[in-house]
Amino acid sequence: MFKKLKDIEVKYTDLESLLSDSDVISRQPLYQKYARSMQNSMIWWRPIGNMRKFTLWWKKDKRYSGENDEELKSIVKEEMPQLREQLNL
């Protein structure tokens, strides 16, 4: 899963680089093609990027690895609607 997310991230950052390249900017049809692709990518990249960041943070922070932690379950239950709203899920 992380390999696919990384591939998506690379594609997105490549598009960002291309859109700032003066050679691409001077070729308007090509620039418009990349801009459309970037616009379409942003629809799915933001939620995926946020999910990836959250997952990496979760794995890194070992405090939250307990499955039977009632306090953690309570926090997740409270904050999940806000996260879903932010990620447009």
Protein backbone atom coordinates (compact mmCIF):
# COMPACT_ATOMS: atom_id res chain seq x y z
CA MET A 1 0.00 0.00 0.00
CA PHE A 2 2.76 2.44 0.91
CA LYS A 3 4.51 1.75 -2.40
CA LYS A 4 1.39 2.85 -4.30
CA LEU A 5 1.03 5.93 -2.12
CA LYS A 6 4.68 6.79 -2.70
CA ASP A 7 4.20 6.41 -6.46
CA ILE A 8 1.23 8.78 -6.33
CA GLU A 9 3.27 11.26 -4.29
CA VAL A 10 6.13 11.12 -6.82
CA LYS A 11 3.72 11.74 -9.71
CA TYR A 12 2.20 14.70 -7.87
CA THR A 13 5.56 16.29 -7.05
CA ASP A 14 6.72 15.70 -10.64
CA LEU A 15 3.69 17.61 -11.88
CA GLU A 16 4.49 20.45 -9.46
CA SER A 17 8.02 20.63 -10.85
CA LEU A 18 6.84 20.57 -14.45
CA LEU A 19 4.38 23.38 -13.84
CA SER A 20 7.16 25.60 -12.54
CA ASP A 21 9.56 24.76 -15.39
CA SER A 22 10.06 27.80 -17.65
CA ASP A 23 10.29 25.55 -20.72
CA VAL A 24 6.86 24.08 -19.97
CA ILE A 25 5.40 27.49 -19.11
CA SER A 26 6.44 28.85 -22.52
CA ARG A 27 4.59 25.97 -24.26
CA GLN A 28 0.99 26.77 -23.33
CA PRO A 29 -0.71 23.61 -24.66
CA LEU A 30 1.70 21.45 -22.68
CA TYR A 31 1.35 23.65 -19.61
CA GLN A 32 -2.45 23.41 -19.80
CA LYS A 33 -2.24 19.63 -20.11
CA TYR A 34 -0.10 19.41 -16.95
CA ALA A 35 -2.30 21.92 -15.13
CA ARG A 36 -5.41 19.83 -15.84
CA SER A 37 -3.62 16.72 -14.70
CA MET A 38 -2.53 18.50 -11.53
CA GLN A 39 -6.07 19.71 -10.86
CA ASN A 40 -7.42 16.17 -11.26
CA SER A 41 -4.64 14.80 -9.06
CA MET A 42 -5.40 17.23 -6.25
CA ILE A 43 -8.87 15.73 -5.82
CA TRP A 44 -7.42 12.42 -4.65
CA TRP A 45 -3.93 13.46 -3.59
CA ARG A 46 -4.92 15.59 -0.59
CA PRO A 47 -6.89 12.86 1.19
CA ILE A 48 -4.24 10.26 0.33
CA GLY A 49 -1.43 12.54 1.46
CA ASN A 50 -3.20 13.26 4.73
CA MET A 51 -3.89 9.57 5.29
CA ARG A 52 -0.26 8.71 4.57
CA LYS A 53 1.02 11.36 6.97
CA PHE A 54 -1.37 10.17 9.66
CA THR A 55 -0.38 6.52 9.18
CA LEU A 56 3.32 7.32 9.35
CA TRP A 57 2.77 9.40 12.47
CA TRP A 58 0.70 6.59 14.04
CA LYS A 59 3.39 3.98 13.36
CA LYS A 60 6.14 6.26 14.66
CA ASP A 61 4.36 7.13 17.90
CA LYS A 62 4.44 3.87 19.86
CA ARG A 63 2.28 5.28 22.66
CA TYR A 64 -0.80 4.51 20.60
CA SER A 65 -0.12 0.86 19.90
CA GLY A 66 -2.30 -0.52 22.73
CA GLU A 67 -5.44 -2.17 21.38
CA ASN A 68 -7.26 -2.16 24.73
CA ASP A 69 -6.64 1.47 25.58
CA GLU A 70 -10.07 2.84 26.49
CA GLU A 71 -8.86 6.46 26.65
CA LEU A 72 -7.49 6.18 23.10
CA LYS A 73 -10.73 4.64 21.85
CA SER A 74 -12.64 7.54 23.38
CA ILE A 75 -10.38 10.14 21.74
CA VAL A 76 -10.68 8.43 18.34
CA LYS A 77 -14.46 8.24 18.68
CA GLU A 78 -14.62 11.99 19.41
CA GLU A 79 -12.21 13.12 16.73
CA MET A 80 -13.06 10.76 13.85
CA PRO A 81 -16.00 12.86 12.55
CA GLN A 82 -13.73 15.93 12.37
CA LEU A 83 -11.04 13.97 10.53
CA ARG A 84 -13.55 12.59 8.05
CA GLU A 85 -14.87 16.08 7.42
CA GLN A 86 -11.35 17.44 6.86
CA LEU A 87 -10.56 14.60 4.45
CA ASN A 88 -13.94 14.89 2.73
CA LEU A 89 -14.78 11.23 3.38
